[in-house]
Amino acid sequence: MQTLAVQVQDNYIQDFMSYVNNNSENITLKKDKNLEYDAYFYERQNELHQIKSDIDNDRIKMIENDDFWNDIDSFVETLQK
């Protein structure tokens, strides 16, 4: 069995559901809670995994927390001058 994500136009949903009902022995529908909360959940998940991989492989460097806030403080000081 294969799992697919399917997007159905609003005006076609009744026809789609009729098709699914007529072929229910071959099709199982299941709501994905992740997609209910965030339509781009899996795209964001893949992006975060890629960022983590890039950090682990030294392709990108994370800034230390103290360095980040020091940079922010310096930037704010330049704005106030």
N, C-alpha and C. Protein backbone atom coordinates (compact mmCIF):
# COMPACT_ATOMS: atom_id res chain seq x y z
N MET A 1 0.85 -1.17 0.00
CA MET A 1 0.00 0.00 0.00
C MET A 1 0.89 1.23 0.00
N GLN A 2 0.46 2.29 -0.67
CA GLN A 2 1.18 3.55 -0.73
C GLN A 2 0.34 4.64 -0.08
N THR A 3 1.01 5.61 0.50
CA THR A 3 0.34 6.75 1.10
C THR A 3 0.61 7.97 0.25
N LEU A 4 -0.46 8.70 -0.07
CA LEU A 4 -0.34 9.91 -0.88
C LEU A 4 -1.08 11.05 -0.21
N ALA A 5 -0.62 12.26 -0.43
CA ALA A 5 -1.38 13.44 -0.03
C ALA A 5 -2.13 13.91 -1.26
N VAL A 6 -3.41 14.16 -1.11
CA VAL A 6 -4.24 14.55 -2.24
C VAL A 6 -4.91 15.88 -1.92
N GLN A 7 -4.82 16.82 -2.84
CA GLN A 7 -5.54 18.07 -2.71
C GLN A 7 -6.71 18.02 -3.68
N VAL A 8 -7.89 18.35 -3.18
CA VAL A 8 -9.11 18.28 -3.99
C VAL A 8 -9.76 19.66 -4.01
N GLN A 9 -10.09 20.13 -5.19
CA GLN A 9 -10.79 21.41 -5.31
C GLN A 9 -12.11 21.35 -4.54
N ASP A 10 -12.47 22.44 -3.91
CA ASP A 10 -13.70 22.48 -3.10
C ASP A 10 -14.93 22.06 -3.91
N ASN A 11 -15.00 22.50 -5.15
CA ASN A 11 -16.18 22.20 -5.96
C ASN A 11 -16.19 20.76 -6.49
N TYR A 12 -15.12 20.00 -6.26
CA TYR A 12 -15.03 18.61 -6.73
C TYR A 12 -15.09 17.60 -5.59
N ILE A 13 -15.14 18.09 -4.36
CA ILE A 13 -15.04 17.19 -3.21
C ILE A 13 -16.14 16.14 -3.18
N GLN A 14 -17.36 16.50 -3.54
CA GLN A 14 -18.46 15.52 -3.53
C GLN A 14 -18.21 14.41 -4.54
N ASP A 15 -17.76 14.77 -5.74
CA ASP A 15 -17.45 13.76 -6.75
C ASP A 15 -16.29 12.87 -6.29
N PHE A 16 -15.29 13.50 -5.69
CA PHE A 16 -14.15 12.75 -5.19
C PHE A 16 -14.58 11.76 -4.11
N MET A 17 -15.38 12.23 -3.17
CA MET A 17 -15.84 11.36 -2.09
C MET A 17 -16.71 10.22 -2.63
N SER A 18 -17.50 10.51 -3.65
CA SER A 18 -18.30 9.44 -4.29
C SER A 18 -17.38 8.38 -4.88
N TYR A 19 -16.32 8.83 -5.55
CA TYR A 19 -15.35 7.90 -6.13
C TYR A 19 -14.72 7.05 -5.02
N VAL A 20 -14.32 7.70 -3.94
CA VAL A 20 -13.68 6.98 -2.83
C VAL A 20 -14.66 5.97 -2.25
N ASN A 21 -15.88 6.38 -2.03
CA ASN A 21 -16.89 5.47 -1.47
C ASN A 21 -17.14 4.28 -2.39
N ASN A 22 -17.16 4.51 -3.69
CA ASN A 22 -17.38 3.43 -4.66
C ASN A 22 -16.19 2.48 -4.76
N ASN A 23 -15.03 2.94 -4.31
CA ASN A 23 -13.81 2.12 -4.37
C ASN A 23 -13.22 1.91 -2.99
N SER A 24 -14.06 1.90 -1.98
CA SER A 24 -13.57 1.88 -0.60
C SER A 24 -12.77 0.64 -0.24
N GLU A 25 -12.92 -0.45 -0.99
CA GLU A 25 -12.12 -1.64 -0.68
C GLU A 25 -10.65 -1.43 -1.03
N ASN A 26 -10.36 -0.42 -1.86
CA ASN A 26 -8.98 -0.15 -2.29
C ASN A 26 -8.41 1.14 -1.72
N ILE A 27 -9.26 1.94 -1.06
CA ILE A 27 -8.83 3.26 -0.60
C ILE A 27 -9.18 3.43 0.87
N THR A 28 -8.22 3.94 1.63
CA THR A 28 -8.46 4.28 3.04
C THR A 28 -8.15 5.75 3.23
N LEU A 29 -9.07 6.49 3.79
CA LEU A 29 -8.85 7.90 4.06
C LEU A 29 -8.53 8.08 5.54
N LYS A 30 -7.56 8.95 5.81
CA LYS A 30 -7.18 9.24 7.18
C LYS A 30 -6.75 10.70 7.23
N LYS A 31 -7.30 11.43 8.20
CA LYS A 31 -6.89 12.83 8.36
C LYS A 31 -5.53 12.87 9.02
N ASP A 32 -4.71 13.77 8.54
CA ASP A 32 -3.37 13.97 9.09
C ASP A 32 -3.43 15.17 10.03
N LYS A 33 -3.31 14.90 11.34
CA LYS A 33 -3.39 15.97 12.34
C LYS A 33 -2.37 17.07 12.08
N ASN A 34 -1.17 16.69 11.63
CA ASN A 34 -0.13 17.69 11.36
C ASN A 34 -0.60 18.69 10.32
N LEU A 35 -1.28 18.20 9.27
CA LEU A 35 -1.73 19.09 8.21
C LEU A 35 -2.95 19.90 8.62
N GLU A 36 -3.71 19.42 9.60
CA GLU A 36 -4.84 20.20 10.10
C GLU A 36 -4.33 21.46 10.79
N TYR A 37 -3.23 21.35 11.51
CA TYR A 37 -2.67 22.49 12.23
C TYR A 37 -1.83 23.39 11.33
N ASP A 38 -1.16 22.80 10.36
CA ASP A 38 -0.22 23.54 9.51
C ASP A 38 -0.19 22.89 8.14
N ALA A 39 -0.74 23.56 7.16
CA ALA A 39 -0.81 22.99 5.81
C ALA A 39 0.57 22.74 5.20
N TYR A 40 1.60 23.39 5.73
CA TYR A 40 2.96 23.25 5.21
C TYR A 40 3.86 22.49 6.19
N PHE A 41 3.26 21.69 7.07
CA PHE A 41 4.01 20.98 8.11
C PHE A 41 5.19 20.21 7.55
N TYR A 42 4.96 19.39 6.54
CA TYR A 42 6.03 18.52 6.04
C TYR A 42 7.11 19.30 5.30
N GLU A 43 6.75 20.38 4.62
CA GLU A 43 7.75 21.22 3.98
C GLU A 43 8.63 21.87 5.04
N ARG A 44 8.00 22.37 6.12
CA ARG A 44 8.77 22.99 7.20
C ARG A 44 9.64 21.96 7.90
N GLN A 45 9.11 20.77 8.10
CA GLN A 45 9.87 19.71 8.75
C GLN A 45 11.12 19.37 7.93
N ASN A 46 10.96 19.23 6.62
CA ASN A 46 12.11 18.93 5.75
C ASN A 46 13.13 20.05 5.80
N GLU A 47 12.66 21.29 5.81
CA GLU A 47 13.57 22.43 5.86
C GLU A 47 14.36 22.43 7.18
N LEU A 48 13.69 22.16 8.29
CA LEU A 48 14.39 22.12 9.57
C LEU A 48 15.40 20.97 9.63
N HIS A 49 15.06 19.83 9.06
CA HIS A 49 16.01 18.71 9.01
C HIS A 49 17.23 19.09 8.17
N GLN A 50 16.99 19.81 7.07
CA GLN A 50 18.11 20.24 6.23
C GLN A 50 19.00 21.24 6.97
N ILE A 51 18.39 22.17 7.69
CA ILE A 51 19.17 23.14 8.47
C ILE A 51 20.01 22.42 9.52
N LYS A 52 19.40 21.47 10.22
CA LYS A 52 20.14 20.71 11.23
C LYS A 52 21.31 19.94 10.60
N SER A 53 21.05 19.34 9.46
CA SER A 53 22.10 18.61 8.76
C SER A 53 23.23 19.56 8.35
N ASP A 54 22.88 20.75 7.86
CA ASP A 54 23.89 21.74 7.46
C ASP A 54 24.73 22.18 8.66
N ILE A 55 24.08 22.33 9.81
CA ILE A 55 24.82 22.70 11.02
C ILE A 55 25.75 21.56 11.44
N ASP A 56 25.22 20.34 11.45
CA ASP A 56 26.02 19.18 11.84
C ASP A 56 27.22 18.98 10.92
N ASN A 57 27.07 19.33 9.64
CA ASN A 57 28.15 19.13 8.66
C ASN A 57 28.98 20.39 8.44
N ASP A 58 28.80 21.40 9.31
CA ASP A 58 29.57 22.65 9.26
C ASP A 58 29.38 23.43 7.96
N ARG A 59 28.27 23.24 7.28
CA ARG A 59 27.98 24.06 6.10
C ARG A 59 27.46 25.43 6.50
N ILE A 60 26.79 25.50 7.65
CA ILE A 60 26.39 26.77 8.22
C ILE A 60 26.77 26.76 9.70
N LYS A 61 26.94 27.95 10.25
CA LYS A 61 27.39 28.04 11.64
C LYS A 61 26.31 28.72 12.46
N MET A 62 26.05 28.17 13.62
CA MET A 62 25.13 28.80 14.54
C MET A 62 25.87 29.86 15.34
N ILE A 63 25.17 30.92 15.67
CA ILE A 63 25.74 31.97 16.49
C ILE A 63 25.42 31.65 17.95
N GLU A 64 26.40 31.80 18.80
CA GLU A 64 26.17 31.59 20.23
C GLU A 64 25.16 32.60 20.74
N ASN A 65 24.39 32.23 21.73
CA ASN A 65 23.35 33.09 22.26
C ASN A 65 23.90 34.44 22.72
N ASP A 66 24.99 34.43 23.47
CA ASP A 66 25.59 35.68 23.96
C ASP A 66 26.05 36.56 22.80
N ASP A 67 26.66 35.94 21.79
CA ASP A 67 27.11 36.70 20.63
C ASP A 67 25.93 37.34 19.90
N PHE A 68 24.87 36.59 19.79
CA PHE A 68 23.66 37.11 19.12
C PHE A 68 23.15 38.35 19.84
N TRP A 69 23.00 38.26 21.16
CA TRP A 69 22.45 39.39 21.91
C TRP A 69 23.43 40.56 21.94
N ASN A 70 24.71 40.29 21.96
CA ASN A 70 25.69 41.38 21.87
C ASN A 70 25.57 42.10 20.53
N ASP A 71 25.39 41.34 19.46
CA ASP A 71 25.21 41.95 18.14
C ASP A 71 23.93 42.78 18.10
N ILE A 72 22.86 42.28 18.69
CA ILE A 72 21.60 43.02 18.72
C ILE A 72 21.78 44.31 19.52
N ASP A 73 22.41 44.20 20.68
CA ASP A 73 22.64 45.39 21.51
C ASP A 73 23.46 46.42 20.76
N SER A 74 24.50 46.00 20.06
CA SER A 74 25.33 46.92 19.29
C SER A 74 24.52 47.57 18.17
N PHE A 75 23.69 46.79 17.53
CA PHE A 75 22.86 47.33 16.45
C PHE A 75 21.88 48.37 16.99
N VAL A 76 21.24 48.07 18.10
CA VAL A 76 20.30 49.02 18.70
C VAL A 76 21.01 50.30 19.10
N GLU A 77 22.22 50.19 19.63
CA GLU A 77 22.99 51.38 19.99
C GLU A 77 23.26 52.26 18.78
N THR A 78 23.57 51.63 17.65
CA THR A 78 23.83 52.44 16.44
C THR A 78 22.56 53.13 15.95
N LEU A 79 21.41 52.52 16.18
CA LEU A 79 20.15 53.15 15.78
C LEU A 79 19.80 54.34 16.66
N GLN A 80 20.22 54.28 17.90
CA GLN A 80 19.89 55.34 18.85
C GLN A 80 20.80 56.57 18.73
N LYS A 81 21.87 56.45 17.98
CA LYS A 81 22.81 57.57 17.82
C LYS A 81 22.32 58.56 16.82
